[in-house]
Amino acid sequence: MAVEQEVTAPENLALAQAPRLVTELPGPLARGVMERDARWTSPSLPRAYPLVPRRGAGSVLEDVDGNRFLDFNAGIAVCSTGHSHPRVVEAVQRQAEDLLHYSGTDFYLPIYSQVCEALDRITPVGGPARSFLTNSGTEAVEAAIKLARHNTGRQYVIGFFGAFHGRSYGSVSLTASKSLYRATFGPLLPGIIHAPFGNRFRPNKPASPEAFDGDYISEVVFKRLVRPDEVAAIVVEPILGEGGYVLPPEGWLRQLRELCTRHGILLVADEVQSGMGRTGRTWAMEHWGVEPDIVLAGKGIASGLPLGAMIAREDLMTWTTGMHGSTYGGNPLSCAAALVTFELIESELAGNAAKVGSALLDGLQALAARHPIIEDVRGLGLMIGVEFPDHDVADAVEKASFRRGLLVLGAGDSAVRMSPPLVVRPDQAETALGIFEGACAEVAAAR
């Protein structure tokens, strides 16, 4: 494992290239936090590995015991501008001095409409856009379901196997990445139908014999289940997120767009994980030249502060006063962070994601050629999935990476995702490749 000179000052933490592990993992202070957590918090919270962060800067995270990690999961693709970006911190501090909160549902917050104006500028939905701000991605999904049903007067919504849209009732009804998320909570929202992502039942296995030969929605859903004039919306992640960082087959998203246009169905792009510059463009849909009717944002939209958005073409915003609202959605602090985040993504970070992401993807593909344990490498920008033979192998690689000071996360049935902050540097990516290769070799040797 690479070692470098100690970096201690908070303002210099972002300059670190390599991890620095000074205790066993978890360390003594971390174990104390974990013991308290086990006693007082909900057991529903999933924990990937015993990480107890204390502070961060850029793409570097330090735990309560002083262990330093390269963060290649960014808090599940949330910390888009890196940890505690100085411009984001300054904007939040300045806003906090003026106003911490006032509800944007009942009153006019200037910064709320500023964020909506910026979203109109950067979001292609086929015309002028209006936005509803939320606290999270799952709330944006809920808002889209309501608006689509209200606007069209239709009841059915189509989602896809492998997709993750959140865990609140409407969004978890659309989610189909793991049965655990839905178990024992039924009956779920009625009127939800699922189809195979990209017409493949196992989208992470491109050569799978289970691929459907034809358009599943047209040939199965519309012929066997519901008429197209009963469908309000099709909700799709342009790239499956929690489902494995799976890219769609070429042309499939354009076919979805054409299908929706032909039948008056709203196309909703869930860009909660794939948006905000992560793939090298502001929105992943831009890679395929597809304009949805509604775009959903969250995660990286405010550099880690709680914010989400449902961005819809203006002519679709037909609901009236009081039909939907949120006490905290569009909180001034989150909005202040979002405005700076947009500027950083447009000016430099989307470009950096494309550049460093391309080098990282090339490096991982070269690594795969040396290590048969890796079955596939795929991705766009800094949204990269590495496929392994099964869940246990992927989980072992994830944990071996943690023990070596690299933070990655599992995804799908048998993948590990890499989604570092968009500020990640080439030298940090090179270090991460070396650590990840060591983790893969360790796991392969133990099989």
Protein backbone atom coordinates (compact mmCIF):
# COMPACT_ATOMS: atom_id res chain seq x y z
CA MET A 1 0.00 0.00 0.00
CA ALA A 2 1.30 3.44 -0.95
CA VAL A 3 2.38 5.65 1.93
CA GLU A 4 3.07 9.36 1.87
CA GLN A 5 4.07 12.15 4.19
CA GLU A 6 1.54 12.79 6.92
CA VAL A 7 -1.08 15.45 6.16
CA THR A 8 -2.56 16.89 9.33
CA ALA A 9 -3.97 20.36 8.71
CA PRO A 10 -7.68 20.28 7.73
CA GLU A 11 -7.10 22.57 4.78
CA ASN A 12 -4.42 20.21 3.42
CA LEU A 13 -6.35 16.95 3.75
CA ALA A 14 -7.59 17.21 0.16
CA LEU A 15 -3.99 17.16 -1.08
CA ALA A 16 -3.46 13.59 0.11
CA GLN A 17 -2.84 11.02 -2.60
CA ALA A 18 -2.75 7.82 -0.61
CA PRO A 19 -4.54 6.37 2.41
CA ARG A 20 -2.91 6.38 5.83
CA LEU A 21 -3.99 3.71 8.29
CA VAL A 22 -2.79 4.28 11.86
CA THR A 23 -4.99 1.79 13.77
CA GLU A 24 -6.64 -1.50 13.13
CA LEU A 25 -10.04 -1.18 11.44
CA PRO A 26 -12.26 -0.33 13.13
CA GLY A 27 -10.14 1.61 15.62
CA PRO A 28 -10.99 2.06 19.31
CA LEU A 29 -12.93 5.30 18.91
CA ALA A 30 -14.81 3.88 15.94
CA ARG A 31 -15.79 0.83 17.96
CA GLY A 32 -17.21 3.09 20.65
CA VAL A 33 -19.39 4.88 18.12
CA MET A 34 -20.53 1.57 16.66
CA GLU A 35 -21.48 0.25 20.10
CA ARG A 36 -23.62 3.33 20.77
CA ASP A 37 -25.13 3.05 17.31
CA ALA A 38 -26.06 -0.59 17.87
CA ARG A 39 -27.96 0.39 20.98
CA TRP A 40 -29.85 3.48 19.84
CA THR A 41 -30.38 3.54 16.06
CA SER A 42 -32.83 1.71 13.82
CA PRO A 43 -31.61 -1.77 12.87
CA SER A 44 -32.94 -1.14 9.36
CA LEU A 45 -29.88 0.95 8.50
CA PRO A 46 -27.52 -1.08 6.27
CA ARG A 47 -23.80 -0.58 6.88
CA ALA A 48 -21.30 -1.65 4.23
CA TYR A 49 -18.25 -1.77 6.51
CA PRO A 50 -17.15 -0.22 9.83
CA LEU A 51 -16.35 3.29 8.61
CA VAL A 52 -16.90 6.10 11.15
CA PRO A 53 -16.02 9.37 9.40
CA ARG A 54 -14.99 12.52 11.25
CA ARG A 55 -13.96 14.97 8.53
CA GLY A 56 -13.23 15.10 4.85
CA ALA A 57 -11.78 17.29 2.13
CA GLY A 58 -11.90 16.72 -1.60
CA SER A 59 -11.74 12.97 -2.22
CA VAL A 60 -10.19 12.15 1.14
CA LEU A 61 -12.01 11.07 4.28
CA GLU A 62 -10.62 10.71 7.80
CA ASP A 63 -12.24 8.61 10.49
CA VAL A 64 -12.52 9.28 14.22
CA ASP A 65 -9.27 7.42 14.89
CA GLY A 66 -7.26 9.40 12.34
CA ASN A 67 -7.25 6.77 9.61
CA ARG A 68 -7.31 8.36 6.16
CA PHE A 69 -9.15 6.87 3.18
CA LEU A 70 -9.52 7.58 -0.51
CA ASP A 71 -13.26 8.01 -0.93
CA PHE A 72 -14.44 6.36 -4.13
CA ASN A 73 -18.09 6.13 -3.14
CA ALA A 74 -18.67 9.82 -2.20
CA GLY A 75 -21.37 8.93 0.31
CA ILE A 76 -23.27 6.98 -2.38
CA ALA A 77 -22.51 9.48 -5.16
CA VAL A 78 -23.73 12.40 -3.05
CA CYS A 79 -20.63 14.51 -2.32
CA SER A 80 -20.32 15.66 -5.92
CA THR A 81 -17.96 18.58 -5.34
CA GLY A 82 -15.94 16.62 -2.81
CA HIS A 83 -16.01 16.85 0.95
CA SER A 84 -16.41 20.37 2.29
CA HIS A 85 -15.60 22.22 -0.91
CA PRO A 86 -14.56 25.70 0.27
CA ARG A 87 -16.95 27.51 -2.07
CA VAL A 88 -19.87 25.37 -0.94
CA VAL A 89 -18.96 25.82 2.72
CA GLU A 90 -18.69 29.59 2.26
CA ALA A 91 -22.09 29.78 0.55
CA VAL A 92 -23.77 27.75 3.30
CA GLN A 93 -22.14 29.82 6.06
CA ARG A 94 -23.20 33.06 4.40
CA GLN A 95 -26.78 31.81 4.01
CA ALA A 96 -26.87 30.52 7.60
CA GLU A 97 -26.07 34.01 8.86
CA ASP A 98 -29.11 35.39 7.04
CA LEU A 99 -31.80 32.69 7.26
CA LEU A 100 -31.71 29.05 8.28
CA HIS A 101 -35.25 28.14 7.25
CA TYR A 102 -38.58 29.41 6.09
CA SER A 103 -41.04 27.18 4.31
CA GLY A 104 -41.04 27.53 0.56
CA THR A 105 -44.48 25.92 0.44
CA ASP A 106 -46.31 28.83 2.07
CA PHE A 107 -43.99 31.75 1.45
CA TYR A 108 -41.69 33.18 -1.20
CA LEU A 109 -38.06 32.24 -0.65
CA PRO A 110 -35.90 34.14 -3.16
CA ILE A 111 -33.27 31.41 -3.30
CA TYR A 112 -35.89 28.72 -4.02
CA SER A 113 -36.86 30.29 -7.33
CA GLN A 114 -33.20 30.99 -8.12
CA VAL A 115 -32.52 27.24 -7.97
CA CYS A 116 -35.59 26.53 -10.13
CA GLU A 117 -34.43 29.11 -12.68
CA ALA A 118 -31.00 27.49 -12.82
CA LEU A 119 -32.55 24.04 -13.26
CA ASP A 120 -34.58 25.34 -16.20
CA ARG A 121 -31.34 26.52 -17.81
CA ILE A 122 -29.40 23.28 -17.40
CA THR A 123 -32.14 20.66 -17.86
CA PRO A 124 -33.35 19.65 -21.34
CA VAL A 125 -37.01 18.58 -21.16
CA GLY A 126 -38.19 19.77 -24.57
CA GLY A 127 -39.17 23.27 -23.53
CA PRO A 128 -39.23 25.69 -20.58
CA ALA A 129 -39.15 23.88 -17.24
CA ARG A 130 -40.60 24.39 -13.79
CA SER A 131 -39.29 22.62 -10.69
CA PHE A 132 -40.60 21.33 -7.40
CA LEU A 133 -37.87 21.07 -4.77
CA THR A 134 -37.75 18.21 -2.29
CA ASN A 135 -35.52 16.95 0.51
CA SER A 136 -34.40 13.81 -1.30
CA GLY A 137 -34.48 11.77 -4.46
CA THR A 138 -37.25 9.48 -3.28
CA GLU A 139 -39.49 12.49 -2.66
CA ALA A 140 -38.81 13.66 -6.20
CA VAL A 141 -39.97 10.25 -7.45
CA GLU A 142 -43.14 10.52 -5.37
CA ALA A 143 -43.84 13.97 -6.82
CA ALA A 144 -43.37 12.68 -10.36
CA ILE A 145 -45.81 9.82 -9.86
CA LYS A 146 -48.43 12.24 -8.57
CA LEU A 147 -47.89 14.79 -11.32
CA ALA A 148 -47.90 12.17 -14.09
CA ARG A 149 -51.16 10.63 -12.91
CA HIS A 150 -52.74 14.04 -12.41
CA ASN A 151 -51.62 15.45 -15.75
CA THR A 152 -52.55 12.46 -17.89
CA GLY A 153 -55.56 11.17 -15.99
CA ARG A 154 -54.07 7.69 -16.34
CA GLN A 155 -53.25 5.29 -13.55
CA TYR A 156 -50.42 2.95 -14.62
CA VAL A 157 -46.71 3.61 -14.26
CA ILE A 158 -44.03 1.38 -15.81
CA GLY A 159 -40.66 0.81 -14.15
CA PHE A 160 -37.83 -1.65 -14.76
CA PHE A 161 -36.29 -4.69 -13.11
CA GLY A 162 -33.00 -3.76 -11.50
CA ALA A 163 -34.03 -0.16 -10.89
CA PHE A 164 -33.82 1.65 -7.57
CA HIS A 165 -36.00 4.71 -7.02
CA GLY A 166 -36.09 4.99 -3.23
CA ARG A 167 -37.75 3.45 -0.21
CA SER A 168 -40.85 5.58 0.48
CA TYR A 169 -44.10 3.89 -0.55
CA GLY A 170 -44.55 5.12 -4.10
CA SER A 171 -40.87 4.94 -4.99
CA VAL A 172 -40.32 1.53 -3.40
CA SER A 173 -43.26 0.28 -5.46
CA LEU A 174 -41.23 1.27 -8.54
CA THR A 175 -37.97 -0.09 -7.09
CA ALA A 176 -37.16 -3.60 -8.32
CA SER A 177 -33.50 -4.10 -7.49
CA LYS A 178 -33.92 -6.25 -4.36
CA SER A 179 -36.98 -8.00 -2.97
CA LEU A 180 -35.79 -7.07 0.53
CA TYR A 181 -36.79 -3.45 -0.08
CA ARG A 182 -40.41 -4.52 -0.68
CA ALA A 183 -40.74 -7.52 1.64
CA THR A 184 -43.56 -7.39 4.25
CA PHE A 185 -44.63 -3.87 3.26
CA GLY A 186 -47.48 -4.79 0.93
CA PRO A 187 -49.83 -3.99 -0.49
CA LEU A 188 -47.69 -1.48 -2.31
CA LEU A 189 -48.86 1.27 -4.63
CA PRO A 190 -51.25 -0.20 -7.20
CA GLY A 191 -50.83 0.35 -10.89
CA ILE A 192 -47.08 -0.32 -11.08
CA ILE A 193 -45.79 -2.62 -13.85
CA HIS A 194 -42.20 -3.73 -14.38
CA ALA A 195 -40.34 -4.57 -17.58
CA PRO A 196 -36.76 -5.78 -18.16
CA PHE A 197 -34.22 -2.96 -18.40
CA GLY A 198 -32.97 -2.83 -21.98
CA ASN A 199 -35.21 -5.84 -22.72
CA ARG A 200 -32.80 -8.03 -20.75
CA PHE A 201 -33.88 -9.83 -17.60
CA ARG A 202 -30.25 -9.89 -16.38
CA PRO A 203 -28.94 -6.56 -17.68
CA ASN A 204 -25.50 -7.02 -16.10
CA LYS A 205 -24.97 -10.11 -18.27
CA PRO A 206 -25.04 -8.80 -21.86
CA ALA A 207 -24.77 -12.27 -23.41
CA SER A 208 -27.51 -13.72 -21.25
CA PRO A 209 -29.84 -16.16 -23.01
CA GLU A 210 -32.61 -14.55 -20.97
CA ALA A 211 -32.55 -11.45 -23.21
CA PHE A 212 -35.98 -10.76 -24.70
CA ASP A 213 -35.95 -10.70 -28.50
CA GLY A 214 -38.20 -7.71 -29.21
CA ASP A 215 -39.72 -4.76 -27.40
CA TYR A 216 -41.10 -6.10 -24.12
CA ILE A 217 -43.32 -3.12 -23.35
CA SER A 218 -45.04 -3.16 -26.74
CA GLU A 219 -45.22 -6.91 -27.19
CA VAL A 220 -45.97 -8.02 -23.64
CA VAL A 221 -47.15 -5.16 -21.43
CA PHE A 222 -49.39 -3.46 -24.00
CA LYS A 223 -50.70 -6.73 -25.46
CA ARG A 224 -51.19 -8.71 -22.25
CA LEU A 225 -51.55 -6.31 -19.32
CA VAL A 226 -52.68 -2.74 -20.06
CA ARG A 227 -53.45 -0.61 -23.06
CA PRO A 228 -50.92 2.16 -23.75
CA ASP A 229 -53.61 4.83 -23.28
CA GLU A 230 -53.86 3.73 -19.64
CA VAL A 231 -50.17 4.35 -18.91
CA ALA A 232 -49.28 7.71 -17.32
CA ALA A 233 -45.49 7.41 -17.28
CA ILE A 234 -42.45 5.27 -17.87
CA VAL A 235 -39.82 5.91 -15.18
CA VAL A 236 -36.27 4.92 -16.08
CA GLU A 237 -32.78 5.30 -14.70
CA PRO A 238 -30.64 6.08 -17.77
CA ILE A 239 -27.94 3.99 -16.08
CA LEU A 240 -28.98 1.55 -13.40
CA GLY A 241 -27.55 2.81 -10.10
CA GLU A 242 -28.01 0.56 -7.10
CA GLY A 243 -28.92 -2.13 -9.62
CA GLY A 244 -25.30 -2.46 -10.76
CA TYR A 245 -24.16 0.61 -12.74
CA VAL A 246 -25.51 -0.96 -15.92
CA LEU A 247 -25.59 1.00 -19.18
CA PRO A 248 -28.57 0.61 -21.53
CA PRO A 249 -28.18 -1.07 -24.92
CA GLU A 250 -27.46 1.41 -27.70
CA GLY A 251 -30.67 2.89 -29.07
CA TRP A 252 -32.94 1.59 -26.31
CA LEU A 253 -33.52 4.95 -24.58
CA ARG A 254 -34.37 6.53 -27.93
CA GLN A 255 -36.88 3.73 -28.51
CA LEU A 256 -38.42 4.48 -25.13
CA ARG A 257 -38.69 8.15 -26.08
CA GLU A 258 -40.39 7.28 -29.36
CA LEU A 259 -42.75 4.85 -27.63
CA CYS A 260 -43.79 7.46 -25.08
CA THR A 261 -44.30 10.14 -27.71
CA ARG A 262 -46.39 7.81 -29.85
CA HIS A 263 -48.77 6.92 -27.01
CA GLY A 264 -48.87 10.17 -25.02
CA ILE A 265 -46.93 8.64 -22.12
CA LEU A 266 -44.62 10.81 -20.03
CA LEU A 267 -40.98 9.75 -20.01
CA VAL A 268 -39.48 10.33 -16.55
CA ALA A 269 -35.69 10.13 -16.23
CA ASP A 270 -34.58 9.28 -12.69
CA GLU A 271 -31.19 10.99 -12.69
CA VAL A 272 -30.85 11.02 -8.91
CA GLN A 273 -27.59 9.06 -9.10
CA SER A 274 -26.54 9.54 -12.74
CA GLY A 275 -27.10 13.29 -12.93
CA MET A 276 -25.22 16.39 -11.79
CA GLY A 277 -22.11 15.80 -13.88
CA ARG A 278 -21.37 12.27 -12.71
CA THR A 279 -21.17 10.78 -16.20
CA GLY A 280 -19.20 13.69 -17.67
CA ARG A 281 -22.31 15.60 -18.70
CA THR A 282 -24.87 17.34 -16.52
CA TRP A 283 -27.41 14.58 -17.19
CA ALA A 284 -26.74 11.04 -18.37
CA MET A 285 -29.61 11.22 -20.88
CA GLU A 286 -27.55 13.74 -22.84
CA HIS A 287 -25.17 10.97 -23.92
CA TRP A 288 -27.98 9.45 -25.98
CA GLY A 289 -29.56 12.70 -27.18
CA VAL A 290 -32.84 11.91 -25.42
CA GLU A 291 -35.03 14.59 -23.87
CA PRO A 292 -37.39 13.28 -21.18
CA ASP A 293 -40.56 15.07 -20.10
CA ILE A 294 -39.58 15.04 -16.43
CA VAL A 295 -36.13 14.77 -14.82
CA LEU A 296 -35.57 13.75 -11.21
CA ALA A 297 -32.53 14.98 -9.31
CA GLY A 298 -31.07 14.37 -5.87
CA LYS A 299 -27.87 13.05 -4.30
CA GLY A 300 -25.14 15.29 -5.80
CA ILE A 301 -27.41 18.28 -6.48
CA ALA A 302 -26.30 20.17 -3.35
CA SER A 303 -22.90 18.63 -2.57
CA GLY A 304 -24.24 16.60 0.36
CA LEU A 305 -26.96 18.83 1.77
CA PRO A 306 -30.49 17.39 1.59
CA LEU A 307 -32.11 18.47 -1.66
CA GLY A 308 -33.91 16.89 -4.56
CA ALA A 309 -35.91 18.21 -7.49
CA MET A 310 -38.64 17.20 -9.89
CA ILE A 311 -38.02 19.19 -13.06
CA ALA A 312 -40.90 19.06 -15.53
CA ARG A 313 -41.70 20.75 -18.80
CA GLU A 314 -43.81 23.80 -18.06
CA ASP A 315 -46.92 22.61 -19.89
CA LEU A 316 -47.04 19.50 -17.67
CA MET A 317 -47.21 21.48 -14.41
CA THR A 318 -51.02 21.50 -14.48
CA TRP A 319 -51.69 20.89 -10.82
CA THR A 320 -53.06 23.73 -8.74
CA THR A 321 -52.24 25.44 -5.46
CA GLY A 322 -52.11 23.09 -2.49
CA MET A 323 -52.04 19.82 -4.43
CA HIS A 324 -48.41 19.19 -3.46
CA GLY A 325 -45.97 20.81 -1.07
CA SER A 326 -43.09 20.31 1.36
CA THR A 327 -42.21 22.01 4.63
CA TYR A 328 -38.45 21.62 4.25
CA GLY A 329 -38.03 21.04 0.52
CA GLY A 330 -35.91 23.84 -0.93
CA ASN A 331 -34.40 24.77 2.42
CA PRO A 332 -32.25 27.94 2.05
CA LEU A 333 -29.03 26.22 3.14
CA SER A 334 -29.46 23.42 0.62
CA CYS A 335 -30.38 25.88 -2.11
CA ALA A 336 -27.27 27.96 -1.41
CA ALA A 337 -25.14 24.83 -1.75
CA ALA A 338 -26.96 23.84 -4.95
CA LEU A 339 -26.32 27.13 -6.74
CA VAL A 340 -22.57 26.83 -6.16
CA THR A 341 -22.67 23.13 -7.06
CA PHE A 342 -24.25 23.95 -10.44
CA GLU A 343 -21.54 26.52 -11.15
CA LEU A 344 -18.73 24.12 -10.26
CA ILE A 345 -20.17 21.25 -12.31
CA GLU A 346 -20.66 23.42 -15.39
CA SER A 347 -17.34 25.21 -15.20
CA GLU A 348 -15.00 22.33 -14.40
CA LEU A 349 -16.28 19.23 -12.63
CA ALA A 350 -18.28 17.57 -15.41
CA GLY A 351 -15.20 17.90 -17.59
CA ASN A 352 -13.01 16.47 -14.85
CA ALA A 353 -15.42 13.56 -14.42
CA ALA A 354 -15.14 12.79 -18.13
CA LYS A 355 -11.35 13.04 -18.17
CA VAL A 356 -10.47 11.21 -14.95
CA GLY A 357 -13.34 8.78 -15.45
CA SER A 358 -12.02 7.76 -18.86
CA ALA A 359 -8.57 7.09 -17.42
CA LEU A 360 -10.06 5.17 -14.50
CA LEU A 361 -12.19 3.08 -16.84
CA ASP A 362 -9.16 2.28 -19.00
CA GLY A 363 -7.16 1.35 -15.92
CA LEU A 364 -9.87 -0.96 -14.62
CA GLN A 365 -10.21 -2.66 -18.00
CA ALA A 366 -6.47 -3.26 -18.05
CA LEU A 367 -6.74 -4.62 -14.54
CA ALA A 368 -9.54 -6.95 -15.67
CA ALA A 369 -7.25 -8.33 -18.37
CA ARG A 370 -4.78 -9.33 -15.65
CA HIS A 371 -7.32 -10.69 -13.17
CA PRO A 372 -9.93 -13.20 -14.39
CA ILE A 373 -11.89 -12.61 -11.20
CA ILE A 374 -13.22 -9.45 -12.90
CA GLU A 375 -15.91 -10.34 -15.44
CA ASP A 376 -16.82 -6.91 -16.77
CA VAL A 377 -15.99 -3.22 -16.44
CA ARG A 378 -18.50 -0.62 -17.61
CA GLY A 379 -19.44 2.97 -17.07
CA LEU A 380 -19.48 6.59 -18.14
CA GLY A 381 -17.47 9.34 -16.48
CA LEU A 382 -17.15 8.67 -12.78
CA MET A 383 -20.01 6.18 -12.69
CA ILE A 384 -18.20 2.85 -13.11
CA GLY A 385 -19.27 -0.70 -12.29
CA VAL A 386 -16.93 -3.66 -11.92
CA GLU A 387 -18.62 -7.06 -12.26
CA PHE A 388 -17.53 -10.16 -10.33
CA PRO A 389 -18.65 -13.82 -10.49
CA ASP A 390 -21.11 -13.53 -7.61
CA HIS A 391 -22.20 -11.43 -4.65
CA ASP A 392 -19.78 -13.01 -2.20
CA VAL A 393 -16.77 -12.21 -4.36
CA ALA A 394 -17.90 -8.61 -4.92
CA ASP A 395 -18.53 -8.20 -1.20
CA ALA A 396 -15.11 -9.59 -0.35
CA VAL A 397 -13.41 -7.18 -2.78
CA GLU A 398 -15.36 -4.26 -1.29
CA LYS A 399 -14.24 -5.14 2.23
CA ALA A 400 -10.65 -5.89 1.19
CA SER A 401 -10.52 -2.45 -0.43
CA PHE A 402 -11.73 -0.88 2.82
CA ARG A 403 -9.04 -2.63 4.83
CA ARG A 404 -6.49 -1.13 2.43
CA GLY A 405 -7.90 2.39 2.71
CA LEU A 406 -10.14 2.61 -0.39
CA LEU A 407 -13.87 3.20 -0.03
CA VAL A 408 -16.01 1.55 -2.70
CA LEU A 409 -19.53 0.10 -2.57
CA GLY A 410 -21.31 -2.96 -3.86
CA ALA A 411 -24.09 -2.63 -6.43
CA GLY A 412 -26.50 -4.98 -8.14
CA ASP A 413 -26.14 -8.71 -7.63
CA SER A 414 -22.39 -8.99 -8.06
CA ALA A 415 -20.77 -5.64 -8.85
CA VAL A 416 -18.66 -3.03 -7.11
CA ARG A 417 -19.30 0.58 -8.01
CA MET A 418 -16.79 3.39 -8.17
CA SER A 419 -18.32 6.86 -7.83
CA PRO A 420 -15.69 9.20 -6.38
CA PRO A 421 -16.29 12.92 -5.94
CA LEU A 422 -16.08 14.81 -9.21
CA VAL A 423 -12.97 16.61 -7.94
CA VAL A 424 -10.91 13.40 -7.85
CA ARG A 425 -7.42 13.87 -9.28
CA PRO A 426 -5.55 11.61 -11.72
CA ASP A 427 -2.94 10.74 -9.09
CA GLN A 428 -5.66 9.68 -6.68
CA ALA A 429 -7.30 7.56 -9.38
CA GLU A 430 -3.95 5.90 -10.09
CA THR A 431 -3.48 5.14 -6.39
CA ALA A 432 -7.01 3.74 -6.18
CA LEU A 433 -6.31 1.41 -9.10
CA GLY A 434 -3.29 -0.03 -7.32
CA ILE A 435 -5.22 -0.57 -4.11
CA PHE A 436 -8.17 -2.13 -5.93
CA GLU A 437 -5.88 -4.49 -7.82
CA GLY A 438 -4.38 -5.61 -4.53
CA ALA A 439 -7.83 -6.25 -3.11
CA CYS A 440 -8.83 -8.30 -6.16
CA ALA A 441 -5.64 -10.34 -5.98
CA GLU A 442 -6.20 -11.00 -2.27
CA VAL A 443 -9.74 -12.24 -2.85
CA ALA A 444 -8.75 -14.34 -5.86
CA ALA A 445 -5.97 -16.02 -3.86
CA ALA A 446 -8.41 -16.91 -1.08
CA ARG A 447 -10.95 -18.60 -3.36
